[in-house]
Amino acid sequence: MKVVNVVTKRILDLCKERGITPNKLGTISGVEPSTITSIFYGKSKNPGVVTLKALCDGLNITLYDFFNCPEFKEFLED
């Protein structure tokens, strides 16, 4: 699995937990929907830290919280 796939899954899981769509997350975080789409469809192979930070701000979590999950732990162990 590639890191962009893990990032996408994490974003989707966090949106689901909060009952929002990825487009809604874009709106509340100030990230263009096209940027989120690029991440989800693999056009953005390396989502930037600034983008991830903005998404985290929209989710009211830290970058640490974003990466501190079983999916990233498994990814790092592979």
C-alpha atoms as a PDB file:
ATOM      1  CA  MET A   1       0.000   0.000   0.000  1.00  0.00           C
ATOM      2  CA  LYS A   2       1.235   3.484  -0.820  1.00  0.00           C
ATOM      3  CA  VAL A   3       1.271   6.361   1.640  1.00  0.00           C
ATOM      4  CA  VAL A   4      -1.315   8.290  -0.398  1.00  0.00           C
ATOM      5  CA  ASN A   5      -3.707   5.346   0.021  1.00  0.00           C
ATOM      6  CA  VAL A   6      -3.233   5.413   3.779  1.00  0.00           C
ATOM      7  CA  VAL A   7      -3.761   9.197   3.833  1.00  0.00           C
ATOM      8  CA  THR A   8      -6.944   8.836   1.772  1.00  0.00           C
ATOM      9  CA  LYS A   9      -8.308   6.112   4.025  1.00  0.00           C
ATOM     10  CA  ARG A  10      -7.526   8.169   7.122  1.00  0.00           C
ATOM     11  CA  ILE A  11      -9.298  11.238   5.742  1.00  0.00           C
ATOM     12  CA  LEU A  12     -12.345   9.165   4.798  1.00  0.00           C
ATOM     13  CA  ASP A  13     -12.441   7.469   8.203  1.00  0.00           C
ATOM     14  CA  LEU A  14     -12.217  10.796  10.037  1.00  0.00           C
ATOM     15  CA  CYS A  15     -14.957  12.293   7.861  1.00  0.00           C
ATOM     16  CA  LYS A  16     -17.174   9.278   8.518  1.00  0.00           C
ATOM     17  CA  GLU A  17     -16.568   9.543  12.287  1.00  0.00           C
ATOM     18  CA  ARG A  18     -17.695  13.172  12.175  1.00  0.00           C
ATOM     19  CA  GLY A  19     -20.592  12.650   9.781  1.00  0.00           C
ATOM     20  CA  ILE A  20     -19.213  14.967   7.091  1.00  0.00           C
ATOM     21  CA  THR A  21     -18.305  14.521   3.455  1.00  0.00           C
ATOM     22  CA  PRO A  22     -14.833  15.154   2.090  1.00  0.00           C
ATOM     23  CA  ASN A  23     -16.273  18.180   0.253  1.00  0.00           C
ATOM     24  CA  LYS A  24     -17.615  19.551   3.535  1.00  0.00           C
ATOM     25  CA  LEU A  25     -14.192  18.997   5.083  1.00  0.00           C
ATOM     26  CA  GLY A  26     -12.702  21.012   2.231  1.00  0.00           C
ATOM     27  CA  THR A  27     -15.109  23.836   2.911  1.00  0.00           C
ATOM     28  CA  ILE A  28     -14.455  24.006   6.652  1.00  0.00           C
ATOM     29  CA  SER A  29     -10.703  23.597   6.259  1.00  0.00           C
ATOM     30  CA  GLY A  30     -10.254  25.989   3.341  1.00  0.00           C
ATOM     31  CA  VAL A  31      -8.848  23.280   1.071  1.00  0.00           C
ATOM     32  CA  GLU A  32     -10.066  23.322  -2.525  1.00  0.00           C
ATOM     33  CA  PRO A  33     -12.286  20.353  -3.435  1.00  0.00           C
ATOM     34  CA  SER A  34     -10.006  19.739  -6.415  1.00  0.00           C
ATOM     35  CA  THR A  35      -7.090  19.228  -4.005  1.00  0.00           C
ATOM     36  CA  ILE A  36      -9.024  16.631  -2.025  1.00  0.00           C
ATOM     37  CA  THR A  37     -10.095  14.941  -5.259  1.00  0.00           C
ATOM     38  CA  SER A  38      -6.459  14.879  -6.406  1.00  0.00           C
ATOM     39  CA  ILE A  39      -5.473  13.111  -3.194  1.00  0.00           C
ATOM     40  CA  PHE A  40      -8.307  10.582  -3.438  1.00  0.00           C
ATOM     41  CA  TYR A  41      -7.715   9.707  -7.087  1.00  0.00           C
ATOM     42  CA  GLY A  42      -3.958   9.491  -6.884  1.00  0.00           C
ATOM     43  CA  LYS A  43      -3.149  12.606  -8.904  1.00  0.00           C
ATOM     44  CA  SER A  44      -1.441  14.030  -5.823  1.00  0.00           C
ATOM     45  CA  LYS A  45       1.064  11.345  -4.914  1.00  0.00           C
ATOM     46  CA  ASN A  46       2.533  13.390  -2.066  1.00  0.00           C
ATOM     47  CA  PRO A  47      -0.046  15.496  -0.205  1.00  0.00           C
ATOM     48  CA  GLY A  48       1.810  18.397   1.366  1.00  0.00           C
ATOM     49  CA  VAL A  49       2.112  19.017   5.056  1.00  0.00           C
ATOM     50  CA  VAL A  50       0.397  22.399   4.669  1.00  0.00           C
ATOM     51  CA  THR A  51      -2.622  20.720   3.068  1.00  0.00           C
ATOM     52  CA  LEU A  52      -2.738  17.988   5.690  1.00  0.00           C
ATOM     53  CA  LYS A  53      -2.413  20.589   8.460  1.00  0.00           C
ATOM     54  CA  ALA A  54      -5.353  22.541   7.020  1.00  0.00           C
ATOM     55  CA  LEU A  55      -7.439  19.361   6.866  1.00  0.00           C
ATOM     56  CA  CYS A  56      -6.478  18.546  10.443  1.00  0.00           C
ATOM     57  CA  ASP A  57      -7.488  22.042  11.520  1.00  0.00           C
ATOM     58  CA  GLY A  58     -10.870  21.473   9.866  1.00  0.00           C
ATOM     59  CA  LEU A  59     -11.188  18.195  11.761  1.00  0.00           C
ATOM     60  CA  ASN A  60     -10.048  19.817  15.034  1.00  0.00           C
ATOM     61  CA  ILE A  61      -7.145  17.401  15.411  1.00  0.00           C
ATOM     62  CA  THR A  62      -3.370  17.733  15.365  1.00  0.00           C
ATOM     63  CA  LEU A  63      -1.033  16.282  12.767  1.00  0.00           C
ATOM     64  CA  TYR A  64       0.091  13.891  15.488  1.00  0.00           C
ATOM     65  CA  ASP A  65      -3.511  12.708  15.903  1.00  0.00           C
ATOM     66  CA  PHE A  66      -3.820  12.268  12.142  1.00  0.00           C
ATOM     67  CA  PHE A  67      -0.780  10.022  11.901  1.00  0.00           C
ATOM     68  CA  ASN A  68      -1.255   8.269  15.251  1.00  0.00           C
ATOM     69  CA  CYS A  69      -3.544   5.489  14.072  1.00  0.00           C
ATOM     70  CA  PRO A  70      -3.309   1.764  13.340  1.00  0.00           C
ATOM     71  CA  GLU A  71      -3.184   2.303   9.562  1.00  0.00           C
ATOM     72  CA  PHE A  72       0.007   4.371   9.726  1.00  0.00           C
ATOM     73  CA  LYS A  73       1.558   2.070  12.311  1.00  0.00           C
ATOM     74  CA  GLU A  74       0.941  -0.898   9.991  1.00  0.00           C
ATOM     75  CA  PHE A  75       2.275   1.075   7.025  1.00  0.00           C
ATOM     76  CA  LEU A  76       5.494   1.862   8.870  1.00  0.00           C
ATOM     77  CA  GLU A  77       5.960  -1.757   9.906  1.00  0.00           C
ATOM     78  CA  ASP A  78       5.728  -3.065   6.327  1.00  0.00           C
END
